[in-house]
Amino acid sequence: MGRIRYGLWWLDQATAGARSRARAVTGGAATVGRELRWAVELSARSTLAGIDHARPEPWNDRKLLVFVTVIAVGALAVALVLGVGMAHWAMTSSNAMLFAAAGAVAVGLAFLPLAYLVFASKQRRRLSTVSPSADDR
């Protein structure tokens, strides 16, 4: 056996453990990736099916008042968190961007229920209008 072949054999033997661990890690990561992709696909399908079957009903004044009050209290909490985050960021704190980013996401999430109420009520009005038939004329 020549020196080059012996060197390659020795390198193969020396790295066998690392290669087997790397194969196990990549195999596990691939399995986790497939499971995550399946979960995301299943969640997206069920969400879309739920949205297709959703039929919003008009709320009475009490329900609307409670809902808007909850959103207002949540928006106040978001404003507080966002203000603290922006204050830390203005003081050039190293971990302040987490507060600012969380506040921005929370503001976006606070607007989602309001947007749903606006567009659901518009859609409901459109569905409730009935065009006169030929018999009514």
N, C-alpha and C. Protein backbone atom coordinates (compact mmCIF):
# COMPACT_ATOMS: atom_id res chain seq x y z
N MET A 1 0.86 -1.16 0.00
CA MET A 1 0.00 0.00 0.00
C MET A 1 0.90 1.23 0.00
N GLY A 2 0.59 2.16 -0.90
CA GLY A 2 1.40 3.36 -1.00
C GLY A 2 1.04 4.38 0.07
N ARG A 3 1.90 5.40 0.15
CA ARG A 3 1.69 6.44 1.16
C ARG A 3 0.39 7.21 0.92
N ILE A 4 0.08 7.48 -0.30
CA ILE A 4 -1.13 8.25 -0.60
C ILE A 4 -2.37 7.44 -0.24
N ARG A 5 -2.36 6.16 -0.62
CA ARG A 5 -3.51 5.32 -0.27
C ARG A 5 -3.63 5.14 1.24
N TYR A 6 -2.51 4.99 1.91
CA TYR A 6 -2.54 4.86 3.36
C TYR A 6 -3.07 6.15 3.99
N GLY A 7 -2.64 7.30 3.48
CA GLY A 7 -3.11 8.59 3.99
C GLY A 7 -4.60 8.75 3.79
N LEU A 8 -5.10 8.35 2.63
CA LEU A 8 -6.54 8.44 2.37
C LEU A 8 -7.32 7.49 3.27
N TRP A 9 -6.77 6.26 3.46
CA TRP A 9 -7.42 5.31 4.35
C TRP A 9 -7.46 5.84 5.78
N TRP A 10 -6.34 6.40 6.24
CA TRP A 10 -6.26 6.95 7.60
C TRP A 10 -7.24 8.11 7.75
N LEU A 11 -7.31 9.00 6.75
CA LEU A 11 -8.26 10.12 6.79
C LEU A 11 -9.70 9.61 6.83
N ASP A 12 -9.98 8.56 6.06
CA ASP A 12 -11.32 7.97 6.07
C ASP A 12 -11.66 7.41 7.45
N GLN A 13 -10.73 6.72 8.06
CA GLN A 13 -10.95 6.16 9.39
C GLN A 13 -11.08 7.25 10.45
N ALA A 14 -10.30 8.31 10.33
CA ALA A 14 -10.31 9.39 11.32
C ALA A 14 -11.60 10.19 11.26
N THR A 15 -12.20 10.31 10.09
CA THR A 15 -13.41 11.13 9.94
C THR A 15 -14.69 10.31 9.89
N ALA A 16 -14.60 9.00 10.11
CA ALA A 16 -15.79 8.16 10.02
C ALA A 16 -16.83 8.54 11.06
N GLY A 17 -16.41 8.81 12.28
CA GLY A 17 -17.36 9.19 13.34
C GLY A 17 -18.05 10.51 13.03
N ALA A 18 -17.28 11.48 12.59
CA ALA A 18 -17.86 12.79 12.28
C ALA A 18 -18.83 12.69 11.11
N ARG A 19 -18.48 11.88 10.11
CA ARG A 19 -19.37 11.73 8.97
C ARG A 19 -20.66 11.01 9.35
N SER A 20 -20.57 10.02 10.22
CA SER A 20 -21.80 9.32 10.62
C SER A 20 -22.68 10.23 11.47
N ARG A 21 -22.07 11.07 12.33
CA ARG A 21 -22.87 12.03 13.10
C ARG A 21 -23.51 13.07 12.18
N ALA A 22 -22.75 13.51 11.19
CA ALA A 22 -23.30 14.50 10.25
C ALA A 22 -24.46 13.89 9.47
N ARG A 23 -24.34 12.62 9.07
CA ARG A 23 -25.44 11.95 8.37
C ARG A 23 -26.67 11.84 9.26
N ALA A 24 -26.45 11.52 10.54
CA ALA A 24 -27.58 11.41 11.46
C ALA A 24 -28.26 12.76 11.66
N VAL A 25 -27.45 13.82 11.79
CA VAL A 25 -28.02 15.16 11.98
C VAL A 25 -28.78 15.60 10.74
N THR A 26 -28.20 15.40 9.56
CA THR A 26 -28.90 15.83 8.34
C THR A 26 -30.14 14.99 8.10
N GLY A 27 -30.08 13.70 8.45
CA GLY A 27 -31.28 12.87 8.33
C GLY A 27 -32.38 13.34 9.27
N GLY A 28 -32.01 13.67 10.50
CA GLY A 28 -32.99 14.21 11.45
C GLY A 28 -33.54 15.54 11.01
N ALA A 29 -32.66 16.41 10.48
CA ALA A 29 -33.12 17.72 10.01
C ALA A 29 -34.07 17.56 8.82
N ALA A 30 -33.76 16.60 7.94
CA ALA A 30 -34.65 16.38 6.79
C ALA A 30 -36.01 15.87 7.26
N THR A 31 -36.01 14.99 8.26
CA THR A 31 -37.28 14.48 8.79
C THR A 31 -38.09 15.60 9.42
N VAL A 32 -37.42 16.43 10.21
CA VAL A 32 -38.11 17.57 10.84
C VAL A 32 -38.63 18.52 9.77
N GLY A 33 -37.85 18.76 8.73
CA GLY A 33 -38.29 19.64 7.65
C GLY A 33 -39.52 19.10 6.95
N ARG A 34 -39.54 17.78 6.70
CA ARG A 34 -40.73 17.19 6.06
C ARG A 34 -41.95 17.30 6.96
N GLU A 35 -41.76 17.06 8.25
CA GLU A 35 -42.89 17.17 9.19
C GLU A 35 -43.40 18.61 9.26
N LEU A 36 -42.49 19.56 9.31
CA LEU A 36 -42.91 20.97 9.36
C LEU A 36 -43.63 21.37 8.08
N ARG A 37 -43.12 20.94 6.94
CA ARG A 37 -43.79 21.25 5.68
C ARG A 37 -45.20 20.66 5.65
N TRP A 38 -45.33 19.42 6.13
CA TRP A 38 -46.63 18.77 6.17
C TRP A 38 -47.57 19.52 7.11
N ALA A 39 -47.06 19.93 8.29
CA ALA A 39 -47.90 20.65 9.24
C ALA A 39 -48.33 22.00 8.68
N VAL A 40 -47.43 22.71 8.01
CA VAL A 40 -47.79 24.00 7.42
C VAL A 40 -48.82 23.81 6.31
N GLU A 41 -48.63 22.81 5.49
CA GLU A 41 -49.59 22.56 4.41
C GLU A 41 -50.95 22.19 4.96
N LEU A 42 -50.98 21.34 5.98
CA LEU A 42 -52.25 20.95 6.58
C LEU A 42 -52.94 22.14 7.25
N SER A 43 -52.16 22.97 7.94
CA SER A 43 -52.72 24.16 8.58
C SER A 43 -53.28 25.13 7.55
N ALA A 44 -52.54 25.32 6.46
CA ALA A 44 -53.01 26.24 5.42
C ALA A 44 -54.30 25.72 4.79
N ARG A 45 -54.37 24.42 4.53
CA ARG A 45 -55.59 23.86 3.94
C ARG A 45 -56.79 24.00 4.87
N SER A 46 -56.58 23.71 6.16
CA SER A 46 -57.71 23.80 7.09
C SER A 46 -58.13 25.25 7.30
N THR A 47 -57.16 26.17 7.30
CA THR A 47 -57.49 27.58 7.44
C THR A 47 -58.29 28.07 6.24
N LEU A 48 -57.85 27.70 5.05
CA LEU A 48 -58.59 28.12 3.85
C LEU A 48 -59.98 27.51 3.82
N ALA A 49 -60.11 26.26 4.24
CA ALA A 49 -61.44 25.65 4.28
C ALA A 49 -62.32 26.35 5.31
N GLY A 50 -61.75 26.72 6.44
CA GLY A 50 -62.52 27.44 7.47
C GLY A 50 -62.95 28.81 6.99
N ILE A 51 -62.08 29.49 6.27
CA ILE A 51 -62.43 30.81 5.75
C ILE A 51 -63.55 30.70 4.72
N ASP A 52 -63.50 29.66 3.89
CA ASP A 52 -64.54 29.47 2.89
C ASP A 52 -65.91 29.23 3.52
N HIS A 53 -65.93 28.57 4.68
CA HIS A 53 -67.20 28.23 5.32
C HIS A 53 -67.65 29.25 6.36
N ALA A 54 -66.87 30.28 6.59
CA ALA A 54 -67.22 31.28 7.61
C ALA A 54 -68.36 32.15 7.10
N ARG A 55 -69.35 32.29 7.92
CA ARG A 55 -70.49 33.16 7.60
C ARG A 55 -70.65 34.13 8.77
N PRO A 56 -70.13 35.32 8.65
CA PRO A 56 -70.24 36.26 9.77
C PRO A 56 -71.67 36.71 9.98
N GLU A 57 -72.02 36.87 11.23
CA GLU A 57 -73.34 37.36 11.58
C GLU A 57 -73.20 38.76 12.16
N PRO A 58 -74.18 39.62 11.95
CA PRO A 58 -74.10 40.95 12.53
C PRO A 58 -74.15 40.88 14.05
N TRP A 59 -73.34 41.69 14.70
CA TRP A 59 -73.30 41.73 16.16
C TRP A 59 -74.22 42.82 16.68
N ASN A 60 -74.71 42.63 17.88
CA ASN A 60 -75.50 43.69 18.49
C ASN A 60 -74.54 44.73 19.08
N ASP A 61 -75.11 45.81 19.57
CA ASP A 61 -74.28 46.92 20.05
C ASP A 61 -73.43 46.52 21.26
N ARG A 62 -73.95 45.72 22.14
CA ARG A 62 -73.19 45.32 23.32
C ARG A 62 -71.95 44.51 22.94
N LYS A 63 -72.12 43.56 22.03
CA LYS A 63 -71.00 42.74 21.58
C LYS A 63 -69.93 43.60 20.90
N LEU A 64 -70.37 44.52 20.06
CA LEU A 64 -69.42 45.41 19.39
C LEU A 64 -68.68 46.29 20.38
N LEU A 65 -69.39 46.82 21.40
CA LEU A 65 -68.76 47.67 22.39
C LEU A 65 -67.71 46.89 23.18
N VAL A 66 -68.03 45.68 23.59
CA VAL A 66 -67.06 44.86 24.33
C VAL A 66 -65.86 44.54 23.46
N PHE A 67 -66.10 44.20 22.21
CA PHE A 67 -65.01 43.86 21.31
C PHE A 67 -64.09 45.05 21.07
N VAL A 68 -64.67 46.19 20.81
CA VAL A 68 -63.85 47.39 20.56
C VAL A 68 -63.13 47.81 21.85
N THR A 69 -63.74 47.61 23.02
CA THR A 69 -63.07 47.92 24.29
C THR A 69 -61.88 47.01 24.50
N VAL A 70 -62.03 45.74 24.21
CA VAL A 70 -60.90 44.81 24.34
C VAL A 70 -59.78 45.19 23.39
N ILE A 71 -60.13 45.56 22.17
CA ILE A 71 -59.11 45.98 21.21
C ILE A 71 -58.44 47.27 21.68
N ALA A 72 -59.19 48.19 22.26
CA ALA A 72 -58.61 49.44 22.75
C ALA A 72 -57.64 49.18 23.90
N VAL A 73 -58.01 48.29 24.82
CA VAL A 73 -57.11 47.96 25.93
C VAL A 73 -55.85 47.27 25.39
N GLY A 74 -56.04 46.37 24.44
CA GLY A 74 -54.88 45.72 23.82
C GLY A 74 -54.00 46.71 23.08
N ALA A 75 -54.62 47.66 22.39
CA ALA A 75 -53.84 48.67 21.68
C ALA A 75 -53.07 49.55 22.65
N LEU A 76 -53.65 49.82 23.81
CA LEU A 76 -52.95 50.59 24.83
C LEU A 76 -51.73 49.82 25.34
N ALA A 77 -51.90 48.53 25.56
CA ALA A 77 -50.76 47.71 25.99
C ALA A 77 -49.69 47.65 24.90
N VAL A 78 -50.11 47.54 23.65
CA VAL A 78 -49.16 47.53 22.54
C VAL A 78 -48.42 48.86 22.46
N ALA A 79 -49.13 49.94 22.64
CA ALA A 79 -48.49 51.26 22.61
C ALA A 79 -47.47 51.39 23.73
N LEU A 80 -47.78 50.85 24.90
CA LEU A 80 -46.84 50.89 26.01
C LEU A 80 -45.58 50.09 25.68
N VAL A 81 -45.76 48.87 25.19
CA VAL A 81 -44.60 48.04 24.84
C VAL A 81 -43.80 48.68 23.73
N LEU A 82 -44.49 49.20 22.72
CA LEU A 82 -43.80 49.85 21.61
C LEU A 82 -43.07 51.09 22.06
N GLY A 83 -43.68 51.86 22.96
CA GLY A 83 -43.02 53.06 23.48
C GLY A 83 -41.76 52.72 24.27
N VAL A 84 -41.85 51.69 25.11
CA VAL A 84 -40.66 51.27 25.88
C VAL A 84 -39.58 50.78 24.93
N GLY A 85 -39.97 50.01 23.94
CA GLY A 85 -38.98 49.51 22.98
C GLY A 85 -38.32 50.63 22.20
N MET A 86 -39.11 51.58 21.76
CA MET A 86 -38.54 52.71 21.02
C MET A 86 -37.66 53.58 21.91
N ALA A 87 -38.02 53.71 23.19
CA ALA A 87 -37.19 54.47 24.11
C ALA A 87 -35.84 53.78 24.32
N HIS A 88 -35.88 52.46 24.49
CA HIS A 88 -34.62 51.73 24.62
C HIS A 88 -33.80 51.82 23.35
N TRP A 89 -34.49 51.74 22.22
CA TRP A 89 -33.77 51.81 20.95
C TRP A 89 -33.14 53.18 20.76
N ALA A 90 -33.85 54.21 21.17
CA ALA A 90 -33.30 55.56 21.06
C ALA A 90 -32.08 55.74 21.97
N MET A 91 -32.04 55.00 23.06
CA MET A 91 -30.88 55.05 23.94
C MET A 91 -29.79 54.09 23.47
N THR A 92 -29.95 53.52 22.28
CA THR A 92 -29.02 52.58 21.65
C THR A 92 -28.74 51.37 22.53
N SER A 93 -29.77 50.85 23.13
CA SER A 93 -29.63 49.61 23.88
C SER A 93 -29.52 48.46 22.88
N SER A 94 -28.71 47.47 23.18
CA SER A 94 -28.46 46.40 22.22
C SER A 94 -29.66 45.46 22.04
N ASN A 95 -30.49 45.30 23.06
CA ASN A 95 -31.60 44.36 22.95
C ASN A 95 -32.94 45.06 22.74
N ALA A 96 -32.95 46.30 22.36
CA ALA A 96 -34.19 47.05 22.22
C ALA A 96 -34.93 46.73 20.93
N MET A 97 -34.25 46.25 19.92
CA MET A 97 -34.94 45.95 18.67
C MET A 97 -35.96 44.83 18.83
N LEU A 98 -35.74 43.96 19.78
CA LEU A 98 -36.71 42.90 20.03
C LEU A 98 -38.04 43.50 20.49
N PHE A 99 -37.98 44.49 21.39
CA PHE A 99 -39.20 45.15 21.84
C PHE A 99 -39.88 45.89 20.69
N ALA A 100 -39.10 46.59 19.89
CA ALA A 100 -39.68 47.35 18.78
C ALA A 100 -40.31 46.41 17.75
N ALA A 101 -39.64 45.31 17.44
CA ALA A 101 -40.17 44.37 16.47
C ALA A 101 -41.43 43.69 17.02
N ALA A 102 -41.41 43.31 18.28
CA ALA A 102 -42.60 42.70 18.89
C ALA A 102 -43.76 43.68 18.91
N GLY A 103 -43.46 44.95 19.18
CA GLY A 103 -44.51 45.95 19.18
C GLY A 103 -45.11 46.15 17.80
N ALA A 104 -44.27 46.13 16.79
CA ALA A 104 -44.77 46.30 15.42
C ALA A 104 -45.64 45.12 15.01
N VAL A 105 -45.24 43.92 15.37
CA VAL A 105 -46.06 42.74 15.07
C VAL A 105 -47.37 42.81 15.83
N ALA A 106 -47.31 43.23 17.08
CA ALA A 106 -48.53 43.32 17.89
C ALA A 106 -49.49 44.36 17.32
N VAL A 107 -48.97 45.48 16.83
CA VAL A 107 -49.83 46.49 16.21
C VAL A 107 -50.53 45.90 14.99
N GLY A 108 -49.78 45.16 14.19
CA GLY A 108 -50.39 44.51 13.03
C GLY A 108 -51.48 43.52 13.43
N LEU A 109 -51.21 42.75 14.49
CA LEU A 109 -52.21 41.79 14.96
C LEU A 109 -53.42 42.48 15.58
N ALA A 110 -53.22 43.67 16.13
CA ALA A 110 -54.35 44.41 16.70
C ALA A 110 -55.28 44.94 15.60
N PHE A 111 -54.72 45.21 14.43
CA PHE A 111 -55.55 45.71 13.34
C PHE A 111 -56.32 44.61 12.62
N LEU A 112 -55.89 43.36 12.73
CA LEU A 112 -56.57 42.28 12.04
C LEU A 112 -58.04 42.12 12.44
N PRO A 113 -58.39 42.12 13.74
CA PRO A 113 -59.82 41.99 14.07
C PRO A 113 -60.65 43.17 13.56
N LEU A 114 -60.07 44.36 13.59
CA LEU A 114 -60.81 45.51 13.08
C LEU A 114 -61.04 45.39 11.57
N ALA A 115 -60.04 44.94 10.86
CA ALA A 115 -60.20 44.75 9.43
C ALA A 115 -61.24 43.68 9.14
N TYR A 116 -61.25 42.62 9.95
CA TYR A 116 -62.26 41.58 9.77
C TYR A 116 -63.67 42.14 9.98
N LEU A 117 -63.82 42.95 11.03
CA LEU A 117 -65.15 43.54 11.27
C LEU A 117 -65.60 44.41 10.11
N VAL A 118 -64.68 45.22 9.59
CA VAL A 118 -65.05 46.13 8.50
C VAL A 118 -65.44 45.34 7.26
N PHE A 119 -64.59 44.39 6.85
CA PHE A 119 -64.87 43.68 5.61
C PHE A 119 -65.99 42.66 5.77
N ALA A 120 -66.17 42.09 6.94
CA ALA A 120 -67.28 41.16 7.16
C ALA A 120 -68.60 41.91 7.08
N SER A 121 -68.64 43.12 7.64
CA SER A 121 -69.89 43.86 7.58
C SER A 121 -70.18 44.30 6.15
N LYS A 122 -69.16 44.66 5.39
CA LYS A 122 -69.39 45.02 3.99
C LYS A 122 -69.89 43.82 3.21
N GLN A 123 -69.29 42.66 3.46
CA GLN A 123 -69.69 41.47 2.74
C GLN A 123 -71.12 41.08 3.12
N ARG A 124 -71.48 41.22 4.36
CA ARG A 124 -72.82 40.86 4.83
C ARG A 124 -73.86 41.76 4.17
N ARG A 125 -73.55 43.04 4.04
CA ARG A 125 -74.49 43.95 3.38
C ARG A 125 -74.69 43.54 1.93
N ARG A 126 -73.61 43.17 1.28
CA ARG A 126 -73.71 42.78 -0.11
C ARG A 126 -74.53 41.51 -0.26
N LEU A 127 -74.38 40.58 0.68
CA LEU A 127 -75.14 39.33 0.60
C LEU A 127 -76.62 39.53 0.92
N SER A 128 -76.94 40.52 1.74
CA SER A 128 -78.33 40.68 2.17
C SER A 128 -79.17 41.44 1.13
N THR A 129 -78.54 42.12 0.19
CA THR A 129 -79.31 42.83 -0.83
C THR A 129 -79.80 41.83 -1.86
N VAL A 130 -81.06 41.86 -2.10
CA VAL A 130 -81.66 40.92 -3.04
C VAL A 130 -82.20 41.73 -4.21
N SER A 131 -81.85 41.31 -5.39
CA SER A 131 -82.34 42.02 -6.57
C SER A 131 -83.76 41.56 -6.86
N PRO A 132 -84.59 42.46 -7.31
CA PRO A 132 -85.98 42.07 -7.59
C PRO A 132 -86.03 41.10 -8.77
N SER A 133 -86.90 40.17 -8.64
CA SER A 133 -87.06 39.19 -9.74
C SER A 133 -88.06 39.72 -10.76
N ALA A 134 -88.22 38.99 -11.81
CA ALA A 134 -89.13 39.41 -12.88
C ALA A 134 -90.59 39.36 -12.41
N ASP A 135 -90.89 38.48 -11.42
CA ASP A 135 -92.27 38.37 -10.93
C ASP A 135 -92.68 39.60 -10.11
N ASP A 136 -91.70 40.26 -9.44
CA ASP A 136 -92.01 41.42 -8.60
C ASP A 136 -92.28 42.68 -9.40
N ARG A 137 -91.94 42.70 -10.64
CA ARG A 137 -92.07 43.93 -11.44
C ARG A 137 -93.41 44.14 -11.95
